[in-house]
Each structure stands twice: as C-alpha cells, then as structure tokens.
Amino acid sequence: IASSVVYFEHFVCHYSSAESNKCTSVSGSSVTKITVYQRPKLTVDLKVNGSDGPLEMPLIPAPRPTLSWTTSTGYDAPDVCTASLDWTGGKAAAGGSETVGPLDRKTTYDFKISCTKTGALQPAEDTVRVRIAPVVSCRADRNPVFVGQSVTWSATVNAATQYVLSWSSPDSVVTSSANPNSVIYQSAGEKSATVAVTADGITKTAICTAPARAGDSGDRPTLTV
C-alpha cells in the first residue's frame, strides 16, 4: 500500500500594517505573500439637541428632543447601528437624526446607540441623558389682607413623578409643605412667598404673585398687608 508523508514547517510572519507581507520559514525559504487587514476602529457620537448631555428640559410643553448621531467613515464605517434603553430599533449606520417623545412619563430618560462591524473587536457605543424638570407657579387668593388675617397661597405643579413641595414666606406665622398653604402675617407691608418643588433630585422654585389691586394692570409680585 502506497503511503505519503506530510511535512509541516513553521513560518515567522511580521504584520506591521494593513499591507501584503512576506513570511519566511525557519529554514529561510519564503512563501507567497498574504494580505493582512487592520481591524476597523469604529466610533459613534450621540447628541441630544446638539449637546452631549445631560440635558434638562421642562415638562411643559411636552419635551420632544432631537437625537442625532455621527459615525466613523470609510473603512471604519459600521455595518449596523441599534438603539436601546429609552428608544429602540435599528438606526442608520451612516448617521442621522430622530425626534423622540413626548417625554412626560418619568424624570430621567437614557438613550444609547451601539454600532458594529465584522472584524471589529468591540462595538462603538454612546449614551445621552435627558432630565425632565417640574414646572411650578403659585398665587395668593386675595390682595390686600389685614394684619392677623389668613391668606392662602396655592401652587400649581406639573411633574412627571412624585415631588416634595415646600413654602417660604417671610414674616408669616405659619409655614407648611401643604398645598394650598394658609399663612397669617403679624406686620403690615409688602409680603412675598416662594414655593420650591423637588422631583427626583431636580428642584425648581417660583416666586408667587398676588391678585391685582385697583389701578393695577395685572397680578403683583407682592401681597399687601
């Protein structure tokens, strides 16, 4: 029975760039050139309304930010880009933009994009965050009032999640976190009140107004006692 012997020889190859390189055997013989390719170096840059974020937007009007992304080009261009977290679906691998929203169901939104290509060691990823701030205003129920007479300050709050409210009113006998908040002033003068609302770490304040008095053209920034 005829037999054959297969010999294996070790070759030493040095690849320094994405070019054809010659390999040389241990015994000194050379082999046909082979082509070596650099791995793609993917990049992606995601922005929200042109910002790297985090971006804060008021709840009113309902936030509809624009997400835009750019990616590496040429040999390093990705094949596929995919969205995750608070947006989903395939996205243009060459870059693009998309308006999302309304963002009115919670305080924090995170948007992530991942791009891949065959041969790349790892995907290129970027994430941006949008924070939805509460909107608050407040007003007295009457103007003017007498010393020792109760006046009620009422706040209107729009928040995407639970919030904590607190009042500040100089010279008042009663301060409270209740809404509405009734206070009594013991001295005459122009009085002001401020309300602060905190939702998921975001605090917004408002200086209250008082109804117009005779001769006024609109609400006043202070209450007359």
Protein backbone atom coordinates (compact mmCIF):
# COMPACT_ATOMS: atom_id res chain seq x y z
CA ILE A 1 0.00 0.00 0.00
CA ALA A 2 1.42 3.33 -1.04
CA SER A 3 1.96 5.82 1.74
CA SER A 4 2.69 9.55 1.89
CA VAL A 5 4.28 11.78 4.45
CA VAL A 6 3.11 15.39 5.05
CA TYR A 7 5.71 17.76 6.47
CA PHE A 8 4.75 20.91 8.39
CA GLU A 9 7.15 23.79 8.61
CA HIS A 10 6.92 26.83 10.92
CA PHE A 11 6.83 30.27 9.34
CA VAL A 12 7.58 33.57 11.07
CA CYS A 13 5.39 36.45 9.84
CA HIS A 14 5.58 40.09 10.89
CA TYR A 15 2.49 42.23 10.26
CA SER A 16 3.02 45.92 10.86
CA SER A 17 0.31 47.44 8.71
CA ALA A 18 -2.68 46.63 6.54
CA GLU A 19 -0.48 45.61 3.61
CA SER A 20 0.83 42.45 1.99
CA ASN A 21 3.70 40.94 3.95
CA LYS A 22 6.13 38.14 3.18
CA CYS A 23 6.51 35.31 5.63
CA THR A 24 9.81 33.49 5.98
CA SER A 25 10.20 29.90 7.13
CA VAL A 26 12.56 28.87 9.88
CA SER A 27 14.75 27.24 7.23
CA GLY A 28 14.92 30.52 5.29
CA SER A 29 12.58 29.73 2.42
CA SER A 30 9.89 32.26 1.55
CA VAL A 31 6.23 31.78 0.86
CA THR A 32 3.63 33.61 -1.19
CA LYS A 33 2.61 36.97 0.17
CA ILE A 34 -0.59 37.19 2.19
CA THR A 35 -2.83 40.18 2.83
CA VAL A 36 -3.32 41.40 6.38
CA TYR A 37 -6.17 43.77 7.28
CA GLN A 38 -6.32 46.15 10.20
CA ARG A 39 -9.38 45.74 12.40
CA PRO A 40 -11.97 48.51 11.92
CA LYS A 41 -11.85 51.28 14.51
CA LEU A 42 -15.50 52.20 15.00
CA THR A 43 -16.73 55.45 16.53
CA VAL A 44 -20.19 56.88 17.18
CA ASP A 45 -21.13 60.24 18.70
CA LEU A 46 -24.69 60.68 20.01
CA LYS A 47 -26.10 64.10 20.91
CA VAL A 48 -29.41 65.42 22.20
CA ASN A 49 -30.43 68.82 20.84
CA GLY A 50 -26.78 69.25 19.83
CA SER A 51 -25.49 68.57 23.36
CA ASP A 52 -23.55 65.70 24.90
CA GLY A 53 -25.92 65.95 27.86
CA PRO A 54 -27.20 65.54 30.40
CA LEU A 55 -29.90 67.89 29.09
CA GLU A 56 -32.60 69.34 31.34
CA MET A 57 -35.98 70.18 29.79
CA PRO A 58 -39.19 71.49 31.39
CA LEU A 59 -42.17 69.16 31.47
CA ILE A 60 -44.34 71.81 29.82
CA PRO A 61 -44.57 71.96 26.88
CA ALA A 62 -44.17 68.19 26.47
CA PRO A 63 -40.45 67.64 25.69
CA ARG A 64 -39.61 66.28 22.23
CA PRO A 65 -35.81 66.44 21.92
CA THR A 66 -33.89 65.55 18.77
CA LEU A 67 -31.27 62.81 18.93
CA SER A 68 -28.53 62.96 16.29
CA TRP A 69 -25.58 60.66 15.74
CA THR A 70 -22.47 60.57 13.56
CA THR A 71 -20.28 57.54 12.87
CA SER A 72 -16.82 56.76 11.55
CA THR A 73 -16.49 56.64 7.76
CA GLY A 74 -14.62 54.79 5.05
CA TYR A 75 -13.02 51.51 6.07
CA ASP A 76 -14.04 52.19 9.70
CA ALA A 77 -17.73 52.76 8.87
CA PRO A 78 -20.08 50.48 10.86
CA ASP A 79 -22.40 47.98 9.24
CA VAL A 80 -25.25 48.16 11.76
CA CYS A 81 -26.36 50.59 14.49
CA THR A 82 -29.01 49.73 17.09
CA ALA A 83 -30.79 51.83 19.73
CA SER A 84 -31.54 50.71 23.28
CA LEU A 85 -32.73 51.89 26.72
CA ASP A 86 -35.41 54.58 26.17
CA TRP A 87 -35.51 54.21 22.39
CA THR A 88 -35.36 51.12 20.20
CA GLY A 89 -34.83 49.80 16.71
CA GLY A 90 -32.20 49.88 14.01
CA LYS A 91 -30.62 53.25 13.19
CA ALA A 92 -28.82 54.48 10.07
CA ALA A 93 -25.22 53.25 10.19
CA ALA A 94 -24.09 56.34 8.26
CA GLY A 95 -25.56 58.67 10.92
CA GLY A 96 -28.84 60.50 11.18
CA SER A 97 -31.31 62.21 13.49
CA GLU A 98 -34.62 61.40 15.14
CA THR A 99 -37.11 63.30 17.29
CA VAL A 100 -38.32 61.38 20.35
CA GLY A 101 -41.12 62.00 22.82
CA PRO A 102 -43.16 63.33 24.35
CA LEU A 103 -41.00 62.60 27.41
CA ASP A 104 -43.66 63.05 30.08
CA ARG A 105 -43.84 59.72 31.94
CA LYS A 106 -40.76 59.92 34.19
CA THR A 107 -37.93 62.24 35.20
CA THR A 108 -34.85 60.57 33.66
CA TYR A 109 -34.50 59.22 30.12
CA ASP A 110 -31.37 57.50 28.77
CA PHE A 111 -30.73 56.91 25.07
CA LYS A 112 -27.99 54.56 23.88
CA ILE A 113 -26.71 53.66 20.42
CA SER A 114 -24.39 50.76 19.56
CA CYS A 115 -22.67 50.26 16.19
CA THR A 116 -20.93 47.10 14.97
CA LYS A 117 -18.93 45.83 12.00
CA THR A 118 -17.49 42.47 11.06
CA GLY A 119 -13.89 42.31 12.19
CA ALA A 120 -14.18 45.00 14.87
CA LEU A 121 -13.02 43.91 18.30
CA GLN A 122 -15.94 45.61 20.05
CA PRO A 123 -18.92 47.81 19.23
CA ALA A 124 -18.81 51.60 19.36
CA GLU A 125 -21.32 52.95 21.88
CA ASP A 126 -22.56 56.29 23.19
CA THR A 127 -25.30 57.33 25.63
CA VAL A 128 -27.04 60.63 26.39
CA ARG A 129 -29.40 61.53 29.25
CA VAL A 130 -32.41 63.84 29.38
CA ARG A 131 -33.81 65.07 32.70
CA ILE A 132 -37.40 66.34 32.86
CA ALA A 133 -37.83 69.23 35.29
CA PRO A 134 -41.08 70.06 37.09
CA VAL A 135 -42.91 73.28 36.27
CA VAL A 136 -44.35 75.29 39.17
CA SER A 137 -46.22 78.55 39.76
CA CYS A 138 -48.07 79.99 42.78
CA ARG A 139 -50.57 82.72 43.68
CA ALA A 140 -52.32 84.29 46.66
CA ASP A 141 -56.11 84.04 46.91
CA ARG A 142 -56.63 87.70 47.83
CA ASN A 143 -54.96 91.10 47.93
CA PRO A 144 -54.80 93.11 50.16
CA VAL A 145 -55.30 91.49 53.57
CA PHE A 146 -55.25 92.81 57.13
CA VAL A 147 -52.70 92.04 59.81
CA GLY A 148 -53.76 88.82 61.56
CA GLN A 149 -55.97 87.78 58.65
CA SER A 150 -55.35 84.48 56.87
CA VAL A 151 -54.28 84.41 53.23
CA THR A 152 -53.92 81.27 51.17
CA TRP A 153 -51.04 80.67 48.79
CA SER A 154 -51.72 77.97 46.17
CA ALA A 155 -49.18 76.25 43.94
CA THR A 156 -49.77 74.68 40.54
CA VAL A 157 -47.28 71.87 39.94
CA ASN A 158 -46.67 69.80 36.83
CA ALA A 159 -44.22 66.96 37.44
CA ALA A 160 -43.54 63.65 35.72
CA THR A 161 -43.10 61.84 39.03
CA GLN A 162 -43.79 62.27 42.74
CA TYR A 163 -42.48 65.50 44.21
CA VAL A 164 -41.83 67.26 47.52
CA LEU A 165 -43.13 70.81 47.97
CA SER A 166 -42.03 73.45 50.48
CA TRP A 167 -43.01 77.07 51.10
CA SER A 168 -41.01 80.08 52.23
CA SER A 169 -42.80 83.24 53.28
CA PRO A 170 -41.01 85.85 55.44
CA ASP A 171 -42.85 87.19 58.50
CA SER A 172 -45.57 84.53 58.34
CA VAL A 173 -46.74 82.77 61.48
CA VAL A 174 -47.47 79.51 59.69
CA THR A 175 -45.24 77.79 57.14
CA SER A 176 -46.12 74.43 55.69
CA SER A 177 -45.47 71.86 53.00
CA ALA A 178 -49.20 71.64 52.38
CA ASN A 179 -50.75 72.89 49.19
CA PRO A 180 -52.68 75.19 49.45
CA ASN A 181 -50.82 76.86 52.33
CA SER A 182 -52.57 79.32 54.64
CA VAL A 183 -50.43 81.91 56.42
CA ILE A 184 -51.03 84.83 58.79
CA TYR A 185 -48.91 87.97 58.77
CA GLN A 186 -48.42 89.91 62.02
CA SER A 187 -47.00 93.06 60.48
CA ALA A 188 -48.03 95.35 57.66
CA GLY A 189 -46.08 95.74 54.46
CA GLU A 190 -45.46 94.12 51.08
CA LYS A 191 -45.15 90.34 51.53
CA SER A 192 -43.79 87.69 49.21
CA ALA A 193 -43.88 83.92 49.11
CA THR A 194 -41.78 81.33 47.35
CA VAL A 195 -42.54 77.69 46.64
CA ALA A 196 -39.93 75.01 45.88
CA VAL A 197 -40.69 71.68 44.23
CA THR A 198 -38.22 68.78 44.13
CA ALA A 199 -38.80 65.77 41.85
CA ASP A 200 -36.16 63.04 41.53
CA GLY A 201 -33.36 65.37 42.58
CA ILE A 202 -34.41 68.31 40.39
CA THR A 203 -35.56 71.40 42.33
CA LYS A 204 -37.45 74.31 40.79
CA THR A 205 -38.69 77.41 42.60
CA ALA A 206 -41.29 80.03 41.84
CA ILE A 207 -41.95 83.47 43.33
CA CYS A 208 -45.65 83.77 43.92
CA THR A 209 -47.90 86.52 42.63
CA ALA A 210 -50.90 88.26 44.21
CA PRO A 211 -54.14 89.41 42.60
CA ALA A 212 -54.20 92.89 41.12
CA ARG A 213 -55.39 95.78 43.23
CA ALA A 214 -57.37 98.74 42.00
CA GLY A 215 -55.32 100.54 39.38
CA ASP A 216 -53.02 97.58 38.68
CA SER A 217 -52.69 96.25 35.14
CA GLY A 218 -52.10 92.66 36.24
CA ASP A 219 -51.00 90.39 39.08
CA ARG A 220 -48.50 91.84 41.50
CA PRO A 221 -45.21 90.27 42.70
CA THR A 222 -46.10 91.01 46.34
CA LEU A 223 -49.08 90.87 48.69
CA THR A 224 -50.11 93.98 50.56
CA VAL A 225 -50.83 93.57 54.27
